[in-house]
Amino acid sequence: QEGILYHHIAAEKGDPYLLQATFALRDPAHIRRFAEGLQAMIDRHDILRTALVWEGLEQPLQVALRRV
């Protein structure tokens, strides 16, 4: 993870590890189910709630958030 943090900080044109996707959901029920499913997955897996804190610290610290 130190290598990932290094590349994140050193990147001049965006984070090379950042992946984005776009979804087109028109039905409000589909949007709600998608959001609920995504939140359930985030709640279940700590890694999806993990942040790296490094500014002002001697060494980077990995933190698992309780809720996002």
PDB file of N, CA and C in Angstrom:
ATOM      1  N   GLN A   1       0.798  -1.189   0.000  1.00  0.00           N
ATOM      2  CA  GLN A   1       0.000   0.000   0.000  1.00  0.00           C
ATOM      3  C   GLN A   1       0.850   1.265   0.000  1.00  0.00           C
ATOM      4  N   GLU A   2       2.086   1.165   0.483  1.00  0.00           N
ATOM      5  CA  GLU A   2       2.957   2.336   0.417  1.00  0.00           C
ATOM      6  C   GLU A   2       3.220   2.722  -1.033  1.00  0.00           C
ATOM      7  N   GLY A   3       3.365   1.728  -1.902  1.00  0.00           N
ATOM      8  CA  GLY A   3       3.589   2.000  -3.318  1.00  0.00           C
ATOM      9  C   GLY A   3       2.392   2.681  -3.954  1.00  0.00           C
ATOM     10  N   ILE A   4       1.196   2.237  -3.594  1.00  0.00           N
ATOM     11  CA  ILE A   4      -0.022   2.857  -4.121  1.00  0.00           C
ATOM     12  C   ILE A   4      -0.101   4.311  -3.660  1.00  0.00           C
ATOM     13  N   LEU A   5       0.201   4.552  -2.384  1.00  0.00           N
ATOM     14  CA  LEU A   5       0.188   5.921  -1.866  1.00  0.00           C
ATOM     15  C   LEU A   5       1.232   6.774  -2.581  1.00  0.00           C
ATOM     16  N   TYR A   6       2.417   6.228  -2.796  1.00  0.00           N
ATOM     17  CA  TYR A   6       3.470   6.963  -3.505  1.00  0.00           C
ATOM     18  C   TYR A   6       2.986   7.388  -4.893  1.00  0.00           C
ATOM     19  N   HIS A   7       2.406   6.452  -5.648  1.00  0.00           N
ATOM     20  CA  HIS A   7       1.941   6.772  -7.001  1.00  0.00           C
ATOM     21  C   HIS A   7       0.792   7.780  -6.968  1.00  0.00           C
ATOM     22  N   HIS A   8      -0.053   7.696  -5.952  1.00  0.00           N
ATOM     23  CA  HIS A   8      -1.154   8.656  -5.803  1.00  0.00           C
ATOM     24  C   HIS A   8      -0.601  10.070  -5.605  1.00  0.00           C
ATOM     25  N   ILE A   9       0.379  10.195  -4.710  1.00  0.00           N
ATOM     26  CA  ILE A   9       0.951  11.509  -4.410  1.00  0.00           C
ATOM     27  C   ILE A   9       1.756  12.042  -5.594  1.00  0.00           C
ATOM     28  N   ALA A  10       2.488  11.149  -6.265  1.00  0.00           N
ATOM     29  CA  ALA A  10       3.381  11.565  -7.351  1.00  0.00           C
ATOM     30  C   ALA A  10       2.663  11.813  -8.675  1.00  0.00           C
ATOM     31  N   ALA A  11       1.442  11.337  -8.812  1.00  0.00           N
ATOM     32  CA  ALA A  11       0.725  11.450 -10.088  1.00  0.00           C
ATOM     33  C   ALA A  11       0.480  12.913 -10.447  1.00  0.00           C
ATOM     34  N   GLU A  12       0.864  13.272 -11.655  1.00  0.00           N
ATOM     35  CA  GLU A  12       0.654  14.646 -12.120  1.00  0.00           C
ATOM     36  C   GLU A  12      -0.690  14.807 -12.826  1.00  0.00           C
ATOM     37  N   LYS A  13      -1.157  13.748 -13.459  1.00  0.00           N
ATOM     38  CA  LYS A  13      -2.406  13.828 -14.228  1.00  0.00           C
ATOM     39  C   LYS A  13      -3.400  12.784 -13.733  1.00  0.00           C
ATOM     40  N   GLY A  14      -3.871  12.932 -12.527  1.00  0.00           N
ATOM     41  CA  GLY A  14      -4.866  12.021 -11.992  1.00  0.00           C
ATOM     42  C   GLY A  14      -4.252  10.794 -11.345  1.00  0.00           C
ATOM     43  N   ASP A  15      -5.014  10.168 -10.506  1.00  0.00           N
ATOM     44  CA  ASP A  15      -4.583   8.992  -9.758  1.00  0.00           C
ATOM     45  C   ASP A  15      -4.648   7.763 -10.652  1.00  0.00           C
ATOM     46  N   PRO A  16      -3.522   7.056 -10.858  1.00  0.00           N
ATOM     47  CA  PRO A  16      -3.530   5.882 -11.737  1.00  0.00           C
ATOM     48  C   PRO A  16      -4.341   4.714 -11.171  1.00  0.00           C
ATOM     49  N   TYR A  17      -4.690   4.763  -9.895  1.00  0.00           N
ATOM     50  CA  TYR A  17      -5.454   3.678  -9.278  1.00  0.00           C
ATOM     51  C   TYR A  17      -6.936   4.012  -9.132  1.00  0.00           C
ATOM     52  N   LEU A  18      -7.347   5.173  -9.591  1.00  0.00           N
ATOM     53  CA  LEU A  18      -8.743   5.582  -9.489  1.00  0.00           C
ATOM     54  C   LEU A  18      -9.509   5.073 -10.703  1.00  0.00           C
ATOM     55  N   LEU A  19     -10.517   4.269 -10.447  1.00  0.00           N
ATOM     56  CA  LEU A  19     -11.368   3.738 -11.517  1.00  0.00           C
ATOM     57  C   LEU A  19     -12.772   4.294 -11.326  1.00  0.00           C
ATOM     58  N   GLN A  20     -13.375   4.727 -12.427  1.00  0.00           N
ATOM     59  CA  GLN A  20     -14.724   5.273 -12.361  1.00  0.00           C
ATOM     60  C   GLN A  20     -15.615   4.545 -13.351  1.00  0.00           C
ATOM     61  N   ALA A  21     -16.886   4.471 -13.014  1.00  0.00           N
ATOM     62  CA  ALA A  21     -17.878   3.875 -13.902  1.00  0.00           C
ATOM     63  C   ALA A  21     -19.125   4.758 -13.874  1.00  0.00           C
ATOM     64  N   THR A  22     -19.855   4.755 -14.959  1.00  0.00           N
ATOM     65  CA  THR A  22     -21.089   5.519 -15.061  1.00  0.00           C
ATOM     66  C   THR A  22     -22.238   4.552 -15.307  1.00  0.00           C
ATOM     67  N   PHE A  23     -23.314   4.737 -14.572  1.00  0.00           N
ATOM     68  CA  PHE A  23     -24.501   3.904 -14.729  1.00  0.00           C
ATOM     69  C   PHE A  23     -25.674   4.806 -15.085  1.00  0.00           C
ATOM     70  N   ALA A  24     -26.500   4.371 -16.017  1.00  0.00           N
ATOM     71  CA  ALA A  24     -27.693   5.119 -16.399  1.00  0.00           C
ATOM     72  C   ALA A  24     -28.911   4.349 -15.903  1.00  0.00           C
ATOM     73  N   LEU A  25     -29.460   4.798 -14.790  1.00  0.00           N
ATOM     74  CA  LEU A  25     -30.644   4.172 -14.202  1.00  0.00           C
ATOM     75  C   LEU A  25     -31.756   5.207 -14.199  1.00  0.00           C
ATOM     76  N   ARG A  26     -32.847   4.895 -14.852  1.00  0.00           N
ATOM     77  CA  ARG A  26     -33.937   5.868 -14.962  1.00  0.00           C
ATOM     78  C   ARG A  26     -35.082   5.580 -13.990  1.00  0.00           C
ATOM     79  N   ASP A  27     -35.311   4.337 -13.713  1.00  0.00           N
ATOM     80  CA  ASP A  27     -36.413   3.945 -12.831  1.00  0.00           C
ATOM     81  C   ASP A  27     -36.005   4.201 -11.372  1.00  0.00           C
ATOM     82  N   PRO A  28     -36.771   4.998 -10.641  1.00  0.00           N
ATOM     83  CA  PRO A  28     -36.426   5.276  -9.241  1.00  0.00           C
ATOM     84  C   PRO A  28     -36.257   4.016  -8.393  1.00  0.00           C
ATOM     85  N   ALA A  29     -37.023   2.980  -8.679  1.00  0.00           N
ATOM     86  CA  ALA A  29     -36.883   1.726  -7.925  1.00  0.00           C
ATOM     87  C   ALA A  29     -35.528   1.084  -8.199  1.00  0.00           C
ATOM     88  N   HIS A  30     -35.060   1.147  -9.447  1.00  0.00           N
ATOM     89  CA  HIS A  30     -33.745   0.595  -9.790  1.00  0.00           C
ATOM     90  C   HIS A  30     -32.628   1.395  -9.113  1.00  0.00           C
ATOM     91  N   ILE A  31     -32.793   2.711  -9.094  1.00  0.00           N
ATOM     92  CA  ILE A  31     -31.796   3.571  -8.442  1.00  0.00           C
ATOM     93  C   ILE A  31     -31.719   3.233  -6.955  1.00  0.00           C
ATOM     94  N   ARG A  32     -32.869   3.100  -6.313  1.00  0.00           N
ATOM     95  CA  ARG A  32     -32.918   2.781  -4.886  1.00  0.00           C
ATOM     96  C   ARG A  32     -32.279   1.431  -4.611  1.00  0.00           C
ATOM     97  N   ARG A  33     -32.626   0.406  -5.408  1.00  0.00           N
ATOM     98  CA  ARG A  33     -32.054  -0.935  -5.200  1.00  0.00           C
ATOM     99  C   ARG A  33     -30.550  -0.940  -5.443  1.00  0.00           C
ATOM    100  N   PHE A  34     -30.101  -0.206  -6.454  1.00  0.00           N
ATOM    101  CA  PHE A  34     -28.667  -0.114  -6.724  1.00  0.00           C
ATOM    102  C   PHE A  34     -27.951   0.521  -5.530  1.00  0.00           C
ATOM    103  N   ALA A  35     -28.477   1.635  -5.036  1.00  0.00           N
ATOM    104  CA  ALA A  35     -27.858   2.330  -3.898  1.00  0.00           C
ATOM    105  C   ALA A  35     -27.860   1.450  -2.651  1.00  0.00           C
ATOM    106  N   GLU A  36     -28.954   0.740  -2.400  1.00  0.00           N
ATOM    107  CA  GLU A  36     -29.020  -0.150  -1.239  1.00  0.00           C
ATOM    108  C   GLU A  36     -28.019  -1.297  -1.357  1.00  0.00           C
ATOM    109  N   GLY A  37     -27.913  -1.875  -2.544  1.00  0.00           N
ATOM    110  CA  GLY A  37     -26.962  -2.966  -2.763  1.00  0.00           C
ATOM    111  C   GLY A  37     -25.526  -2.498  -2.619  1.00  0.00           C
ATOM    112  N   LEU A  38     -25.238  -1.323  -3.159  1.00  0.00           N
ATOM    113  CA  LEU A  38     -23.889  -0.764  -3.050  1.00  0.00           C
ATOM    114  C   LEU A  38     -23.546  -0.488  -1.586  1.00  0.00           C
ATOM    115  N   GLN A  39     -24.485   0.089  -0.839  1.00  0.00           N
ATOM    116  CA  GLN A  39     -24.239   0.367   0.579  1.00  0.00           C
ATOM    117  C   GLN A  39     -24.054  -0.925   1.365  1.00  0.00           C
ATOM    118  N   ALA A  40     -24.826  -1.967   1.052  1.00  0.00           N
ATOM    119  CA  ALA A  40     -24.672  -3.256   1.739  1.00  0.00           C
ATOM    120  C   ALA A  40     -23.282  -3.837   1.494  1.00  0.00           C
ATOM    121  N   MET A  41     -22.794  -3.722   0.264  1.00  0.00           N
ATOM    122  CA  MET A  41     -21.460  -4.226  -0.053  1.00  0.00           C
ATOM    123  C   MET A  41     -20.393  -3.425   0.700  1.00  0.00           C
ATOM    124  N   ILE A  42     -20.536  -2.108   0.739  1.00  0.00           N
ATOM    125  CA  ILE A  42     -19.587  -1.256   1.462  1.00  0.00           C
ATOM    126  C   ILE A  42     -19.611  -1.581   2.954  1.00  0.00           C
ATOM    127  N   ASP A  43     -20.802  -1.783   3.514  1.00  0.00           N
ATOM    128  CA  ASP A  43     -20.924  -2.117   4.937  1.00  0.00           C
ATOM    129  C   ASP A  43     -20.254  -3.452   5.259  1.00  0.00           C
ATOM    130  N   ARG A  44     -20.317  -4.393   4.343  1.00  0.00           N
ATOM    131  CA  ARG A  44     -19.810  -5.748   4.567  1.00  0.00           C
ATOM    132  C   ARG A  44     -18.288  -5.845   4.448  1.00  0.00           C
ATOM    133  N   HIS A  45     -17.670  -4.992   3.629  1.00  0.00           N
ATOM    134  CA  HIS A  45     -16.243  -5.126   3.331  1.00  0.00           C
ATOM    135  C   HIS A  45     -15.463  -3.898   3.802  1.00  0.00           C
ATOM    136  N   ASP A  46     -14.649  -4.095   4.852  1.00  0.00           N
ATOM    137  CA  ASP A  46     -13.862  -2.996   5.426  1.00  0.00           C
ATOM    138  C   ASP A  46     -13.014  -2.268   4.391  1.00  0.00           C
ATOM    139  N   ILE A  47     -12.438  -2.994   3.454  1.00  0.00           N
ATOM    140  CA  ILE A  47     -11.521  -2.387   2.488  1.00  0.00           C
ATOM    141  C   ILE A  47     -12.212  -1.294   1.664  1.00  0.00           C
ATOM    142  N   LEU A  48     -13.521  -1.390   1.500  1.00  0.00           N
ATOM    143  CA  LEU A  48     -14.261  -0.377   0.743  1.00  0.00           C
ATOM    144  C   LEU A  48     -14.537   0.874   1.578  1.00  0.00           C
ATOM    145  N   ARG A  49     -14.200   0.800   2.870  1.00  0.00           N
ATOM    146  CA  ARG A  49     -14.348   1.953   3.772  1.00  0.00           C
ATOM    147  C   ARG A  49     -12.991   2.385   4.320  1.00  0.00           C
ATOM    148  N   THR A  50     -11.935   2.066   3.598  1.00  0.00           N
ATOM    149  CA  THR A  50     -10.582   2.328   4.080  1.00  0.00           C
ATOM    150  C   THR A  50     -10.016   3.598   3.458  1.00  0.00           C
ATOM    151  N   ALA A  51      -9.353   4.371   4.292  1.00  0.00           N
ATOM    152  CA  ALA A  51      -8.693   5.600   3.838  1.00  0.00           C
ATOM    153  C   ALA A  51      -7.258   5.594   4.348  1.00  0.00           C
ATOM    154  N   LEU A  52      -6.384   6.255   3.612  1.00  0.00           N
ATOM    155  CA  LEU A  52      -5.004   6.444   4.052  1.00  0.00           C
ATOM    156  C   LEU A  52      -4.830   7.896   4.467  1.00  0.00           C
ATOM    157  N   VAL A  53      -4.308   8.093   5.661  1.00  0.00           N
ATOM    158  CA  VAL A  53      -4.047   9.429   6.189  1.00  0.00           C
ATOM    159  C   VAL A  53      -2.539   9.576   6.299  1.00  0.00           C
ATOM    160  N   TRP A  54      -1.983  10.637   5.708  1.00  0.00           N
ATOM    161  CA  TRP A  54      -0.526  10.789   5.744  1.00  0.00           C
ATOM    162  C   TRP A  54      -0.075  12.217   6.026  1.00  0.00           C
ATOM    163  N   GLU A  55      -0.898  13.178   5.746  1.00  0.00           N
ATOM    164  CA  GLU A  55      -0.473  14.569   5.915  1.00  0.00           C
ATOM    165  C   GLU A  55      -0.291  14.889   7.396  1.00  0.00           C
ATOM    166  N   GLY A  56       0.898  15.389   7.739  1.00  0.00           N
ATOM    167  CA  GLY A  56       1.196  15.751   9.116  1.00  0.00           C
ATOM    168  C   GLY A  56       1.620  14.585   9.987  1.00  0.00           C
ATOM    169  N   LEU A  57       1.759  13.394   9.416  1.00  0.00           N
ATOM    170  CA  LEU A  57       2.171  12.209  10.177  1.00  0.00           C
ATOM    171  C   LEU A  57       3.557  11.760   9.742  1.00  0.00           C
ATOM    172  N   GLU A  58       4.287  11.111  10.645  1.00  0.00           N
ATOM    173  CA  GLU A  58       5.600  10.573  10.285  1.00  0.00           C
ATOM    174  C   GLU A  58       5.462   9.402   9.326  1.00  0.00           C
ATOM    175  N   GLN A  59       4.449   8.580   9.544  1.00  0.00           N
ATOM    176  CA  GLN A  59       4.194   7.435   8.670  1.00  0.00           C
ATOM    177  C   GLN A  59       2.716   7.419   8.308  1.00  0.00           C
ATOM    178  N   PRO A  60       2.388   6.964   7.096  1.00  0.00           N
ATOM    179  CA  PRO A  60       0.978   6.878   6.703  1.00  0.00           C
ATOM    180  C   PRO A  60       0.204   5.934   7.628  1.00  0.00           C
ATOM    181  N   LEU A  61      -1.059   6.225   7.803  1.00  0.00           N
ATOM    182  CA  LEU A  61      -1.927   5.432   8.660  1.00  0.00           C
ATOM    183  C   LEU A  61      -3.143   5.000   7.852  1.00  0.00           C
ATOM    184  N   GLN A  62      -3.450   3.702   7.893  1.00  0.00           N
ATOM    185  CA  GLN A  62      -4.629   3.180   7.205  1.00  0.00           C
ATOM    186  C   GLN A  62      -5.776   3.131   8.208  1.00  0.00           C
ATOM    187  N   VAL A  63      -6.906   3.713   7.844  1.00  0.00           N
ATOM    188  CA  VAL A  63      -8.050   3.828   8.738  1.00  0.00           C
ATOM    189  C   VAL A  63      -9.272   3.211   8.073  1.00  0.00           C
ATOM    190  N   ALA A  64      -9.974   2.335   8.797  1.00  0.00           N
ATOM    191  CA  ALA A  64     -11.239   1.781   8.307  1.00  0.00           C
ATOM    192  C   ALA A  64     -12.371   2.601   8.927  1.00  0.00           C
ATOM    193  N   LEU A  65     -13.137   3.276   8.083  1.00  0.00           N
ATOM    194  CA  LEU A  65     -14.242   4.114   8.548  1.00  0.00           C
ATOM    195  C   LEU A  65     -15.427   3.239   8.939  1.00  0.00           C
ATOM    196  N   ARG A  66     -16.197   3.677   9.917  1.00  0.00           N
ATOM    197  CA  ARG A  66     -17.362   2.896  10.342  1.00  0.00           C
ATOM    198  C   ARG A  66     -18.493   2.960   9.315  1.00  0.00           C
ATOM    199  N   ARG A  67     -18.655   4.125   8.708  1.00  0.00           N
ATOM    200  CA  ARG A  67     -19.782   4.321   7.781  1.00  0.00           C
ATOM    201  C   ARG A  67     -19.385   5.332   6.713  1.00  0.00           C
ATOM    202  N   VAL A  68     -19.739   5.047   5.482  1.00  0.00           N
ATOM    203  CA  VAL A  68     -19.547   5.995   4.389  1.00  0.00           C
ATOM    204  C   VAL A  68     -20.831   6.106   3.608  1.00  0.00           C
TER     205      VAL A  68
END
